[in-house]
Amino acid sequence: MRKMIMLCLGLILGLAFVLGGCAGNLPKSERAHFLDANYGRSVESVRFNQTVDPEAGFKPEILEGFDGRASKIIVDEHRETFEREAPVDRVSPIFTIDPGN
């Protein structure tokens, strides 16, 4: 009898936790308003965070860094790495299949 009571209490508590986890933190009427108010905010924040200097196009200063020739050499070398085949000894399969079985 005691085991049955403990089992029922455990099931009730488990059901309460499951239903509590499925419940939203906003009422249904406010969910649509919250989503509409923040629509596109993530795209704006990512674009803003990736922009180092928004006024860069309006400044006549010369940028420091690679010149055109050095940049072209680096890009060409990078592209050539995709055209070369990987050495056979460096490629290792994740799963091996024994053909004898």
C-alpha atoms as a PDB file:
ATOM      1  CA  MET A   1       0.000   0.000   0.000  1.00  0.00           C
ATOM      2  CA  ARG A   2       2.835   2.379   0.888  1.00  0.00           C
ATOM      3  CA  LYS A   3       4.571   1.627  -2.420  1.00  0.00           C
ATOM      4  CA  MET A   4       1.380   2.449  -4.297  1.00  0.00           C
ATOM      5  CA  ILE A   5       1.069   5.837  -2.571  1.00  0.00           C
ATOM      6  CA  MET A   6       4.715   6.672  -3.302  1.00  0.00           C
ATOM      7  CA  LEU A   7       4.254   5.635  -6.922  1.00  0.00           C
ATOM      8  CA  CYS A   8       1.170   7.853  -7.296  1.00  0.00           C
ATOM      9  CA  LEU A   9       2.955  10.813  -5.687  1.00  0.00           C
ATOM     10  CA  GLY A  10       5.947  10.283  -7.981  1.00  0.00           C
ATOM     11  CA  LEU A  11       3.734  10.191 -11.052  1.00  0.00           C
ATOM     12  CA  ILE A  12       1.887  13.341  -9.987  1.00  0.00           C
ATOM     13  CA  LEU A  13       5.160  15.196  -9.355  1.00  0.00           C
ATOM     14  CA  GLY A  14       6.598  13.980 -12.648  1.00  0.00           C
ATOM     15  CA  LEU A  15       3.492  15.110 -14.512  1.00  0.00           C
ATOM     16  CA  ALA A  16       3.677  18.515 -12.796  1.00  0.00           C
ATOM     17  CA  PHE A  17       7.312  18.937 -13.902  1.00  0.00           C
ATOM     18  CA  VAL A  18       6.532  17.908 -17.476  1.00  0.00           C
ATOM     19  CA  LEU A  19       3.573  20.262 -17.749  1.00  0.00           C
ATOM     20  CA  GLY A  20       5.534  23.060 -16.094  1.00  0.00           C
ATOM     21  CA  GLY A  21       8.320  22.645 -18.639  1.00  0.00           C
ATOM     22  CA  CYS A  22       5.883  22.814 -21.525  1.00  0.00           C
ATOM     23  CA  ALA A  23       4.260  26.015 -20.299  1.00  0.00           C
ATOM     24  CA  GLY A  24       5.450  29.254 -21.891  1.00  0.00           C
ATOM     25  CA  ASN A  25       6.592  32.219 -19.844  1.00  0.00           C
ATOM     26  CA  LEU A  26       4.402  34.701 -21.748  1.00  0.00           C
ATOM     27  CA  PRO A  27       0.646  34.628 -22.107  1.00  0.00           C
ATOM     28  CA  LYS A  28      -0.554  33.742 -25.591  1.00  0.00           C
ATOM     29  CA  SER A  29      -1.794  37.269 -26.267  1.00  0.00           C
ATOM     30  CA  GLU A  30       1.668  38.775 -25.607  1.00  0.00           C
ATOM     31  CA  ARG A  31       3.717  36.203 -27.570  1.00  0.00           C
ATOM     32  CA  ALA A  32       2.781  37.541 -31.008  1.00  0.00           C
ATOM     33  CA  HIS A  33       3.438  41.118 -29.892  1.00  0.00           C
ATOM     34  CA  PHE A  34       6.874  40.181 -28.509  1.00  0.00           C
ATOM     35  CA  LEU A  35       7.825  38.422 -31.751  1.00  0.00           C
ATOM     36  CA  ASP A  36       6.593  41.265 -33.945  1.00  0.00           C
ATOM     37  CA  ALA A  37       8.435  43.872 -31.895  1.00  0.00           C
ATOM     38  CA  ASN A  38      11.763  42.029 -32.243  1.00  0.00           C
ATOM     39  CA  TYR A  39      11.415  40.844 -35.832  1.00  0.00           C
ATOM     40  CA  GLY A  40      14.751  41.164 -37.644  1.00  0.00           C
ATOM     41  CA  ARG A  41      16.625  42.329 -34.559  1.00  0.00           C
ATOM     42  CA  SER A  42      19.112  39.462 -34.714  1.00  0.00           C
ATOM     43  CA  VAL A  43      20.032  40.275 -38.326  1.00  0.00           C
ATOM     44  CA  GLU A  44      20.515  43.926 -37.452  1.00  0.00           C
ATOM     45  CA  SER A  45      22.709  43.126 -34.459  1.00  0.00           C
ATOM     46  CA  VAL A  46      24.875  40.689 -36.430  1.00  0.00           C
ATOM     47  CA  ARG A  47      25.339  43.187 -39.258  1.00  0.00           C
ATOM     48  CA  PHE A  48      26.182  45.950 -36.778  1.00  0.00           C
ATOM     49  CA  ASN A  49      28.691  43.758 -34.915  1.00  0.00           C
ATOM     50  CA  GLN A  50      30.425  42.748 -38.153  1.00  0.00           C
ATOM     51  CA  THR A  51      30.864  46.338 -39.329  1.00  0.00           C
ATOM     52  CA  VAL A  52      34.212  47.587 -38.076  1.00  0.00           C
ATOM     53  CA  ASP A  53      33.984  51.143 -39.388  1.00  0.00           C
ATOM     54  CA  PRO A  54      30.694  52.299 -40.949  1.00  0.00           C
ATOM     55  CA  GLU A  55      32.321  55.522 -42.231  1.00  0.00           C
ATOM     56  CA  ALA A  56      35.209  53.745 -44.003  1.00  0.00           C
ATOM     57  CA  GLY A  57      33.961  54.523 -47.519  1.00  0.00           C
ATOM     58  CA  PHE A  58      33.925  58.244 -46.843  1.00  0.00           C
ATOM     59  CA  LYS A  59      37.539  58.506 -45.607  1.00  0.00           C
ATOM     60  CA  PRO A  60      40.270  59.206 -48.184  1.00  0.00           C
ATOM     61  CA  GLU A  61      42.969  57.578 -46.027  1.00  0.00           C
ATOM     62  CA  ILE A  62      44.936  54.629 -47.361  1.00  0.00           C
ATOM     63  CA  LEU A  63      44.322  51.371 -45.553  1.00  0.00           C
ATOM     64  CA  GLU A  64      47.248  49.463 -44.170  1.00  0.00           C
ATOM     65  CA  GLY A  65      47.595  45.775 -44.839  1.00  0.00           C
ATOM     66  CA  PHE A  66      48.312  43.523 -47.814  1.00  0.00           C
ATOM     67  CA  ASP A  67      48.804  45.050 -51.188  1.00  0.00           C
ATOM     68  CA  GLY A  68      46.960  43.656 -54.204  1.00  0.00           C
ATOM     69  CA  ARG A  69      49.743  41.366 -55.423  1.00  0.00           C
ATOM     70  CA  ALA A  70      50.347  39.751 -52.044  1.00  0.00           C
ATOM     71  CA  SER A  71      46.626  39.242 -51.538  1.00  0.00           C
ATOM     72  CA  LYS A  72      46.266  37.594 -54.956  1.00  0.00           C
ATOM     73  CA  ILE A  73      49.143  35.194 -54.231  1.00  0.00           C
ATOM     74  CA  ILE A  74      47.642  34.207 -50.893  1.00  0.00           C
ATOM     75  CA  VAL A  75      44.171  33.675 -52.362  1.00  0.00           C
ATOM     76  CA  ASP A  76      45.560  31.636 -55.273  1.00  0.00           C
ATOM     77  CA  GLU A  77      47.556  29.409 -52.904  1.00  0.00           C
ATOM     78  CA  HIS A  78      44.470  28.927 -50.761  1.00  0.00           C
ATOM     79  CA  ARG A  79      42.387  27.888 -53.767  1.00  0.00           C
ATOM     80  CA  GLU A  80      45.077  25.443 -54.915  1.00  0.00           C
ATOM     81  CA  THR A  81      44.819  23.558 -51.627  1.00  0.00           C
ATOM     82  CA  PHE A  82      41.290  22.519 -52.585  1.00  0.00           C
ATOM     83  CA  GLU A  83      42.438  21.207 -55.975  1.00  0.00           C
ATOM     84  CA  ARG A  84      45.161  18.944 -54.577  1.00  0.00           C
ATOM     85  CA  GLU A  85      44.276  15.454 -53.417  1.00  0.00           C
ATOM     86  CA  ALA A  86      44.749  14.585 -49.780  1.00  0.00           C
ATOM     87  CA  PRO A  87      47.528  12.082 -49.078  1.00  0.00           C
ATOM     88  CA  VAL A  88      46.204   8.549 -48.691  1.00  0.00           C
ATOM     89  CA  ASP A  89      48.045   7.898 -45.442  1.00  0.00           C
ATOM     90  CA  ARG A  90      46.350  10.855 -43.726  1.00  0.00           C
ATOM     91  CA  VAL A  91      42.823   9.741 -44.579  1.00  0.00           C
ATOM     92  CA  SER A  92      41.472   7.345 -42.004  1.00  0.00           C
ATOM     93  CA  PRO A  93      37.943   5.961 -42.073  1.00  0.00           C
ATOM     94  CA  ILE A  94      35.769   6.333 -39.009  1.00  0.00           C
ATOM     95  CA  PHE A  95      34.258   2.882 -39.346  1.00  0.00           C
ATOM     96  CA  THR A  96      36.060  -0.102 -40.747  1.00  0.00           C
ATOM     97  CA  ILE A  97      34.137  -2.935 -42.319  1.00  0.00           C
ATOM     98  CA  ASP A  98      35.645  -6.382 -42.288  1.00  0.00           C
ATOM     99  CA  PRO A  99      34.816  -7.994 -45.660  1.00  0.00           C
ATOM    100  CA  GLY A 100      35.300 -11.461 -44.148  1.00  0.00           C
ATOM    101  CA  ASN A 101      32.155 -11.227 -42.002  1.00  0.00           C
END
